[in-house]
N, C-alpha and C. Protein backbone atom coordinates (compact mmCIF):
# COMPACT_ATOMS: atom_id res chain seq x y z
N MET A 1 22.36 -7.50 -3.54
CA MET A 1 22.89 -6.53 -3.83
C MET A 1 22.25 -5.67 -2.41
N VAL A 2 23.51 -4.72 -2.27
CA VAL A 2 23.11 -3.53 -1.30
C VAL A 2 23.32 -2.02 -1.73
N ILE A 3 22.54 -1.47 -1.55
CA ILE A 3 22.73 -0.09 -1.39
C ILE A 3 23.26 0.68 -0.32
N THR A 4 24.30 1.32 -0.76
CA THR A 4 24.93 2.30 0.24
C THR A 4 24.82 3.57 0.12
N VAL A 5 24.73 4.03 1.00
CA VAL A 5 24.28 5.51 1.17
C VAL A 5 25.34 6.13 1.91
N THR A 6 26.16 7.08 1.24
CA THR A 6 27.23 7.71 2.04
C THR A 6 26.99 9.20 2.42
N GLY A 7 27.30 9.46 3.09
CA GLY A 7 27.49 11.06 3.53
C GLY A 7 25.76 11.25 4.48
N ASP A 8 25.68 12.38 5.05
CA ASP A 8 24.50 12.65 5.56
C ASP A 8 23.63 13.05 4.75
N TYR A 9 22.16 12.62 5.11
CA TYR A 9 21.37 13.09 4.41
C TYR A 9 20.23 13.24 5.15
N ASP A 10 19.45 14.32 4.82
CA ASP A 10 17.87 14.88 5.63
C ASP A 10 17.05 14.45 4.83
N HIS A 11 16.36 13.37 4.95
CA HIS A 11 15.30 13.02 4.22
C HIS A 11 13.92 12.46 4.97
N GLY A 12 12.80 13.43 4.88
CA GLY A 12 11.33 13.14 5.88
C GLY A 12 12.11 13.10 7.42
N GLY A 13 12.81 13.87 7.54
CA GLY A 13 12.94 14.35 8.88
C GLY A 13 14.25 13.42 9.89
N TYR A 14 14.57 12.70 8.98
CA TYR A 14 15.19 11.51 9.79
C TYR A 14 16.85 11.81 8.88
N ARG A 15 17.71 11.71 9.72
CA ARG A 15 19.31 11.75 9.37
C ARG A 15 19.97 10.44 9.08
N HIS A 16 20.60 10.13 7.81
CA HIS A 16 21.20 8.85 7.40
C HIS A 16 22.90 9.07 7.30
N SER A 17 23.36 8.50 8.05
CA SER A 17 24.84 8.63 7.84
C SER A 17 25.45 7.19 7.60
N ASN A 18 26.05 7.27 6.33
CA ASN A 18 26.56 5.82 6.06
C ASN A 18 25.82 4.41 6.18
N SER A 19 25.16 4.47 5.89
CA SER A 19 23.91 3.36 5.93
C SER A 19 23.92 2.11 5.12
N LYS A 20 23.79 1.19 5.48
CA LYS A 20 23.75 -0.36 4.12
C LYS A 20 22.52 -0.66 4.18
N LEU A 21 21.70 -0.25 3.09
CA LEU A 21 20.41 -1.18 2.87
C LEU A 21 20.37 -2.19 2.24
N PRO A 22 19.62 -3.45 2.62
CA PRO A 22 19.36 -4.35 1.84
C PRO A 22 18.60 -4.08 0.63
N LYS A 23 18.81 -5.03 -0.28
CA LYS A 23 17.73 -4.66 -1.44
C LYS A 23 16.48 -4.92 -1.19
N PHE A 24 15.30 -4.14 -1.39
CA PHE A 24 14.07 -4.97 -1.24
C PHE A 24 13.57 -4.62 -2.95
N ASN A 25 12.55 -5.53 -2.90
CA ASN A 25 12.05 -5.57 -4.20
C ASN A 25 10.90 -4.42 -4.02
N PHE A 26 9.97 -4.05 -4.91
CA PHE A 26 9.18 -2.99 -4.89
C PHE A 26 8.12 -3.67 -4.58
N PRO A 27 7.12 -3.17 -3.76
CA PRO A 27 5.80 -4.02 -3.53
C PRO A 27 5.03 -4.16 -5.00
N ARG A 28 4.34 -5.17 -5.32
CA ARG A 28 3.49 -5.04 -6.46
C ARG A 28 1.85 -4.98 -5.90
N PHE A 29 1.31 -4.65 -6.89
CA PHE A 29 -0.28 -3.92 -6.52
C PHE A 29 -1.01 -4.80 -7.55
N ASP A 30 -2.04 -5.69 -7.27
CA ASP A 30 -3.05 -6.09 -8.15
C ASP A 30 -4.65 -6.04 -8.20
N GLY A 31 -4.86 -5.05 -7.30
CA GLY A 31 -5.99 -4.78 -6.73
C GLY A 31 -6.34 -5.20 -5.24
N GLU A 32 -5.29 -5.87 -4.50
CA GLU A 32 -5.79 -6.21 -3.01
C GLU A 32 -5.24 -5.14 -2.00
N ASN A 33 -5.80 -5.03 -1.13
CA ASN A 33 -5.41 -4.37 -0.23
C ASN A 33 -4.77 -3.18 -0.33
N PRO A 34 -5.19 -2.34 -0.98
CA PRO A 34 -4.70 -1.03 -1.33
C PRO A 34 -3.70 0.11 -0.55
N LYS A 35 -4.44 0.04 1.08
CA LYS A 35 -3.86 0.91 1.72
C LYS A 35 -2.57 0.15 2.20
N LEU A 36 -2.53 -0.89 2.84
CA LEU A 36 -1.43 -1.69 2.77
C LEU A 36 -0.05 -1.45 1.47
N TRP A 37 -0.47 -1.47 0.39
CA TRP A 37 0.39 -1.24 -0.79
C TRP A 37 0.92 0.66 -0.84
N ILE A 38 0.02 1.31 -0.43
CA ILE A 38 0.46 2.55 -0.25
C ILE A 38 1.48 2.57 0.58
N SER A 39 1.16 2.03 1.94
CA SER A 39 1.94 2.49 3.02
C SER A 39 3.37 1.77 2.78
N ARG A 40 3.71 0.47 2.08
CA ARG A 40 4.40 -0.15 1.74
C ARG A 40 5.48 0.64 0.70
N CYS A 41 4.68 1.37 -0.05
CA CYS A 41 5.37 2.19 -1.34
C CYS A 41 5.88 3.40 -0.49
N GLU A 42 5.30 4.32 0.32
CA GLU A 42 5.99 5.22 0.77
C GLU A 42 7.15 4.68 1.56
N ASP A 43 7.33 3.61 2.62
CA ASP A 43 8.26 3.05 2.92
C ASP A 43 9.48 3.19 2.54
N TYR A 44 8.87 2.27 1.01
CA TYR A 44 10.08 2.12 0.08
C TYR A 44 10.94 3.38 -0.36
N PHE A 45 9.81 4.56 -0.64
CA PHE A 45 10.16 5.43 -1.29
C PHE A 45 11.41 6.49 -0.19
N GLU A 46 10.79 6.37 1.20
CA GLU A 46 11.53 6.68 2.17
C GLU A 46 13.00 6.29 2.09
N MET A 47 12.77 4.89 2.40
CA MET A 47 14.23 4.04 2.11
C MET A 47 15.34 4.41 1.15
N TYR A 48 14.69 4.38 0.30
CA TYR A 48 15.60 4.72 -0.98
C TYR A 48 15.53 5.93 -1.84
N PHE A 49 15.30 6.94 -0.73
CA PHE A 49 15.50 8.30 -1.27
C PHE A 49 14.89 8.59 -2.49
N VAL A 50 13.79 8.11 -3.00
CA VAL A 50 13.09 8.17 -4.56
C VAL A 50 12.35 9.94 -4.44
N GLU A 51 12.73 10.16 -5.15
CA GLU A 51 12.37 11.95 -5.50
C GLU A 51 10.36 11.72 -5.65
N PRO A 52 9.94 12.82 -4.75
CA PRO A 52 8.47 12.77 -4.84
C PRO A 52 8.12 12.65 -6.09
N SER A 53 8.68 13.54 -7.37
CA SER A 53 8.32 13.38 -8.42
C SER A 53 8.02 12.23 -9.26
N GLN A 54 8.90 11.34 -9.01
CA GLN A 54 9.11 10.06 -9.44
C GLN A 54 8.01 8.79 -8.78
N TRP A 55 7.54 9.16 -7.54
CA TRP A 55 6.66 8.40 -7.02
C TRP A 55 5.74 7.39 -7.97
N ILE A 56 4.97 8.42 -8.58
CA ILE A 56 3.66 7.57 -9.35
C ILE A 56 4.48 6.63 -10.41
N ARG A 57 5.51 7.24 -11.50
CA ARG A 57 5.94 6.42 -12.20
C ARG A 57 6.56 4.92 -11.87
N VAL A 58 7.30 4.99 -10.33
CA VAL A 58 7.65 4.18 -9.67
C VAL A 58 6.69 3.29 -9.44
N ALA A 59 5.92 3.60 -8.85
CA ALA A 59 4.50 2.79 -8.02
C ALA A 59 3.67 1.92 -9.32
N THR A 60 3.44 2.77 -10.88
CA THR A 60 2.83 2.45 -11.70
C THR A 60 3.57 0.87 -12.37
N MET A 61 4.81 0.87 -12.15
CA MET A 61 5.68 0.07 -13.02
C MET A 61 5.47 -1.27 -12.20
N GLN A 62 4.72 -1.46 -11.06
CA GLN A 62 4.40 -2.44 -10.36
C GLN A 62 3.47 -2.80 -10.19
N VAL A 63 2.19 -2.69 -11.29
CA VAL A 63 0.59 -2.96 -11.00
C VAL A 63 0.56 -4.28 -11.78
N SER A 64 -0.35 -5.07 -11.48
CA SER A 64 -0.84 -5.74 -12.43
C SER A 64 -2.18 -6.42 -12.31
N GLY A 65 -2.48 -7.31 -13.01
CA GLY A 65 -4.26 -7.63 -13.12
C GLY A 65 -5.06 -6.81 -13.24
N ALA A 66 -6.06 -6.63 -12.10
CA ALA A 66 -7.19 -5.75 -12.26
C ALA A 66 -6.75 -4.16 -12.33
N ALA A 67 -5.44 -4.15 -11.62
CA ALA A 67 -4.89 -2.77 -11.32
C ALA A 67 -4.29 -2.24 -12.64
N ALA A 68 -3.53 -3.32 -12.99
CA ALA A 68 -2.87 -2.81 -14.40
C ALA A 68 -4.02 -2.43 -15.46
N CYS A 69 -5.11 -3.11 -15.74
CA CYS A 69 -6.26 -2.94 -16.60
C CYS A 69 -6.97 -1.23 -16.29
N TRP A 70 -7.16 -0.94 -14.98
CA TRP A 70 -7.36 0.44 -14.15
C TRP A 70 -6.74 1.49 -14.56
N LEU A 71 -5.20 0.99 -14.40
CA LEU A 71 -4.34 2.40 -14.95
C LEU A 71 -4.51 2.11 -16.32
N GLN A 72 -4.72 1.52 -17.18
CA GLN A 72 -4.97 1.84 -18.50
C GLN A 72 -5.97 2.83 -18.83
N SER A 73 -6.86 2.56 -18.06
CA SER A 73 -8.39 3.30 -18.26
C SER A 73 -8.10 4.96 -17.84
N LEU A 74 -7.17 5.07 -17.38
CA LEU A 74 -6.87 6.37 -16.86
C LEU A 74 -6.15 7.43 -17.89
N ASP A 75 -6.77 8.43 -17.59
CA ASP A 75 -6.27 9.86 -18.55
C ASP A 75 -4.53 9.57 -18.36
N PRO A 76 -3.75 9.97 -19.48
CA PRO A 76 -2.49 9.78 -19.07
C PRO A 76 -1.95 10.65 -18.07
N SER A 77 -2.66 12.04 -17.91
CA SER A 77 -2.43 13.28 -17.22
C SER A 77 -2.25 12.71 -15.77
N PHE A 78 -2.37 11.84 -15.26
CA PHE A 78 -2.68 11.39 -13.95
C PHE A 78 -1.22 11.15 -13.49
N ARG A 79 -0.28 10.94 -14.46
CA ARG A 79 1.04 10.97 -14.15
C ARG A 79 1.76 12.29 -13.62
N SER A 80 1.07 13.32 -14.07
CA SER A 80 1.73 14.68 -13.61
C SER A 80 0.77 15.16 -12.28
N GLY A 81 -0.01 14.48 -12.03
CA GLY A 81 -0.77 14.70 -10.35
C GLY A 81 0.34 14.53 -9.41
N SER A 82 -0.28 14.70 -8.31
CA SER A 82 0.25 14.40 -7.24
C SER A 82 0.26 13.11 -6.53
N TRP A 83 0.91 12.52 -5.93
CA TRP A 83 0.73 11.46 -5.39
C TRP A 83 -0.57 10.82 -4.35
N GLY A 84 -0.65 11.86 -3.61
CA GLY A 84 -2.00 12.02 -2.79
C GLY A 84 -3.51 11.94 -4.10
N GLU A 85 -2.94 12.70 -4.96
CA GLU A 85 -4.38 12.38 -5.96
C GLU A 85 -4.79 11.40 -6.69
N PHE A 86 -3.10 10.44 -6.77
CA PHE A 86 -3.27 9.08 -7.31
C PHE A 86 -3.27 7.95 -6.19
N CYS A 87 -3.26 8.39 -4.91
CA CYS A 87 -3.75 7.36 -3.91
C CYS A 87 -5.30 7.79 -3.60
N ARG A 88 -5.93 8.97 -3.65
CA ARG A 88 -7.25 8.88 -3.78
C ARG A 88 -7.68 8.08 -4.88
N LEU A 89 -7.25 8.08 -6.35
CA LEU A 89 -8.06 7.57 -7.60
C LEU A 89 -7.92 6.05 -6.94
N LEU A 90 -6.80 5.58 -6.63
CA LEU A 90 -6.62 4.18 -6.36
C LEU A 90 -7.52 3.75 -5.25
N LEU A 91 -7.84 4.35 -4.09
CA LEU A 91 -8.81 4.09 -3.03
C LEU A 91 -10.22 3.74 -3.44
N ASP A 92 -10.32 5.00 -4.41
CA ASP A 92 -11.59 5.15 -4.65
C ASP A 92 -11.90 3.85 -5.34
N ARG A 93 -11.26 3.29 -6.51
CA ARG A 93 -11.46 2.19 -7.44
C ARG A 93 -11.44 1.10 -6.66
N PHE A 94 -10.07 0.87 -5.70
CA PHE A 94 -9.95 -0.53 -4.97
C PHE A 94 -10.51 -0.52 -3.25
N GLY A 95 -10.61 0.50 -3.09
CA GLY A 95 -10.66 0.49 -1.26
C GLY A 95 -12.20 0.54 -1.00
N LYS A 96 -13.06 1.04 -1.69
CA LYS A 96 -14.48 0.98 -1.12
C LYS A 96 -15.09 -0.02 -0.78
N ASP A 97 -15.27 -1.26 -0.98
CA ASP A 97 -15.78 -2.38 -0.57
C ASP A 97 -15.02 -3.18 -0.01
N GLN A 98 -14.03 -2.80 0.39
CA GLN A 98 -12.52 -3.79 1.16
C GLN A 98 -13.31 -3.77 2.48
N HIS A 99 -13.87 -3.01 3.26
CA HIS A 99 -14.58 -3.53 4.55
C HIS A 99 -15.61 -4.40 4.58
N GLU A 100 -16.35 -3.97 3.63
CA GLU A 100 -17.63 -5.06 3.37
C GLU A 100 -17.14 -6.31 3.04
N VAL A 101 -16.16 -6.59 2.57
CA VAL A 101 -15.68 -8.10 1.75
C VAL A 101 -15.19 -8.62 3.20
N LEU A 102 -14.45 -7.75 3.62
CA LEU A 102 -13.89 -8.62 4.97
C LEU A 102 -14.76 -8.71 5.92
N LEU A 103 -15.98 -8.21 6.29
CA LEU A 103 -17.04 -8.59 7.00
C LEU A 103 -17.69 -9.91 6.53
N ARG A 104 -18.07 -9.65 5.17
CA ARG A 104 -18.60 -10.99 4.58
C ARG A 104 -17.57 -12.30 4.77
N GLN A 105 -16.37 -11.95 4.74
CA GLN A 105 -15.54 -12.83 4.75
C GLN A 105 -15.51 -13.63 6.38
N MET A 106 -15.56 -13.05 7.27
CA MET A 106 -15.44 -13.01 8.76
C MET A 106 -16.91 -13.91 8.91
N LEU A 107 -18.03 -13.53 8.20
CA LEU A 107 -19.24 -14.22 8.72
C LEU A 107 -19.18 -15.48 8.09
N HIS A 108 -18.38 -15.77 7.28
CA HIS A 108 -18.19 -16.81 6.37
C HIS A 108 -17.21 -18.36 6.69
N ILE A 109 -16.25 -17.57 7.78
CA ILE A 109 -15.14 -18.13 7.83
C ILE A 109 -15.64 -19.62 8.64
N ARG A 110 -14.48 -20.87 8.16
CA ARG A 110 -15.00 -21.66 8.84
C ARG A 110 -13.72 -22.50 9.06
N GLN A 111 -13.90 -23.43 10.02
CA GLN A 111 -12.43 -23.97 10.57
C GLN A 111 -12.16 -25.42 9.76
N THR A 112 -11.09 -25.34 9.14
CA THR A 112 -10.97 -26.56 8.00
C THR A 112 -9.51 -27.18 8.53
N ALA A 113 -8.46 -26.58 9.32
CA ALA A 113 -7.66 -27.11 9.32
C ALA A 113 -7.26 -26.92 11.34
N GLY A 114 -6.50 -26.96 11.74
CA GLY A 114 -6.04 -26.70 13.30
C GLY A 114 -6.68 -25.48 13.71
N VAL A 115 -6.73 -25.35 14.80
CA VAL A 115 -7.33 -24.11 15.74
C VAL A 115 -6.25 -22.92 15.62
N GLN A 116 -4.97 -23.29 15.65
CA GLN A 116 -4.10 -21.95 15.38
C GLN A 116 -4.07 -21.29 13.80
N GLU A 117 -4.66 -22.06 12.96
CA GLU A 117 -4.85 -21.79 11.58
C GLU A 117 -6.35 -21.08 11.47
N TYR A 118 -7.21 -21.38 12.00
CA TYR A 118 -8.33 -20.55 12.21
C TYR A 118 -8.13 -19.43 12.93
N ALA A 119 -7.34 -19.53 14.22
CA ALA A 119 -7.35 -18.28 15.12
C ALA A 119 -6.59 -17.19 14.23
N ASP A 120 -5.36 -17.43 13.62
CA ASP A 120 -4.50 -16.77 12.56
C ASP A 120 -5.51 -16.23 11.66
N ARG A 121 -5.95 -16.67 10.82
CA ARG A 121 -6.87 -16.44 9.84
C ARG A 121 -8.11 -15.17 10.52
N PHE A 122 -8.91 -15.93 11.53
CA PHE A 122 -9.75 -14.85 12.25
C PHE A 122 -8.93 -13.67 12.45
N THR A 123 -7.90 -13.74 13.27
CA THR A 123 -7.44 -12.45 13.69
C THR A 123 -7.05 -11.23 12.43
N LYS A 124 -6.21 -12.27 11.74
CA LYS A 124 -6.21 -11.34 10.62
C LYS A 124 -7.38 -10.49 9.99
N MET A 125 -8.35 -11.03 9.79
CA MET A 125 -9.57 -10.51 9.53
C MET A 125 -10.11 -9.40 10.31
N VAL A 126 -9.93 -9.72 11.57
CA VAL A 126 -10.56 -8.53 12.45
C VAL A 126 -9.66 -7.36 12.65
N ILE A 127 -8.40 -7.51 12.34
CA ILE A 127 -7.37 -6.69 12.17
C ILE A 127 -7.53 -5.91 10.97
N SER A 128 -8.05 -6.11 9.91
CA SER A 128 -8.05 -6.05 8.79
C SER A 128 -9.55 -4.82 8.66
N CYS A 129 -10.34 -5.43 9.34
CA CYS A 129 -11.80 -4.44 9.34
C CYS A 129 -11.90 -3.32 10.42
N TRP A 130 -10.95 -3.96 11.42
CA TRP A 130 -10.61 -2.25 11.82
C TRP A 130 -9.98 -1.59 11.77
N LEU A 131 -8.79 -1.65 10.98
CA LEU A 131 -8.13 -0.93 10.32
C LEU A 131 -9.06 0.03 8.96
N THR A 132 -9.59 -0.74 8.22
CA THR A 132 -10.48 -0.21 7.24
C THR A 132 -11.60 0.78 7.82
N ALA A 133 -11.93 0.40 8.91
CA ALA A 133 -13.36 1.06 9.47
C ALA A 133 -12.53 2.37 10.23
N ARG A 134 -11.43 2.19 10.90
CA ARG A 134 -10.69 3.31 11.44
C ARG A 134 -10.09 4.58 10.48
N THR A 135 -9.60 3.69 9.31
CA THR A 135 -9.06 4.88 8.19
C THR A 135 -10.39 5.44 7.76
N ARG A 136 -11.43 4.83 7.41
CA ARG A 136 -12.66 5.19 7.07
C ARG A 136 -13.05 6.76 7.88
N THR A 137 -13.28 6.42 9.00
CA THR A 137 -13.64 7.32 9.79
C THR A 137 -12.87 8.28 10.33
N LEU A 138 -11.65 8.11 10.36
CA LEU A 138 -10.20 9.47 10.08
C LEU A 138 -10.54 10.24 8.77
N CYS A 139 -10.81 9.89 7.76
CA CYS A 139 -10.77 10.32 6.55
C CYS A 139 -12.00 11.24 6.72
N PHE A 140 -13.03 10.94 6.94
CA PHE A 140 -14.27 11.42 7.01
C PHE A 140 -14.29 12.35 8.05
N MET A 141 -13.64 12.77 9.16
CA MET A 141 -14.00 13.43 10.20
C MET A 141 -13.84 14.78 9.97
N PRO A 142 -14.68 15.78 10.50
CA PRO A 142 -14.75 17.36 10.01
C PRO A 142 -13.58 17.91 10.55
């Protein structure tokens, strides 16, 4: 399925004209990598011109596992809050220990297959640790 955008639209500072976008599935969230999920949601919302007032409702339709249980425990009024407030709640619940977990995984990584597979896993962990530390630093800078 292809979504066709006709006419000129100004969305997020970008001009779109007669663009054809392939259909992408909305990203699912199970509690892992909350910052990546938030970023992918925002990319999706921008690509498909989802109204900001609908972001929370659209996003919460794609949660599963621990994230779905957490979502059910929230006061239903969170749906009328802002996307930023929702993201803060989500990061408070699922993002706090991410950096520490990644560091522990790095300390216990073992080569069980080829060198390339080991290097790829290690590189992914290093980048993830760096991003979580950098994000934490940027969030708490005065």
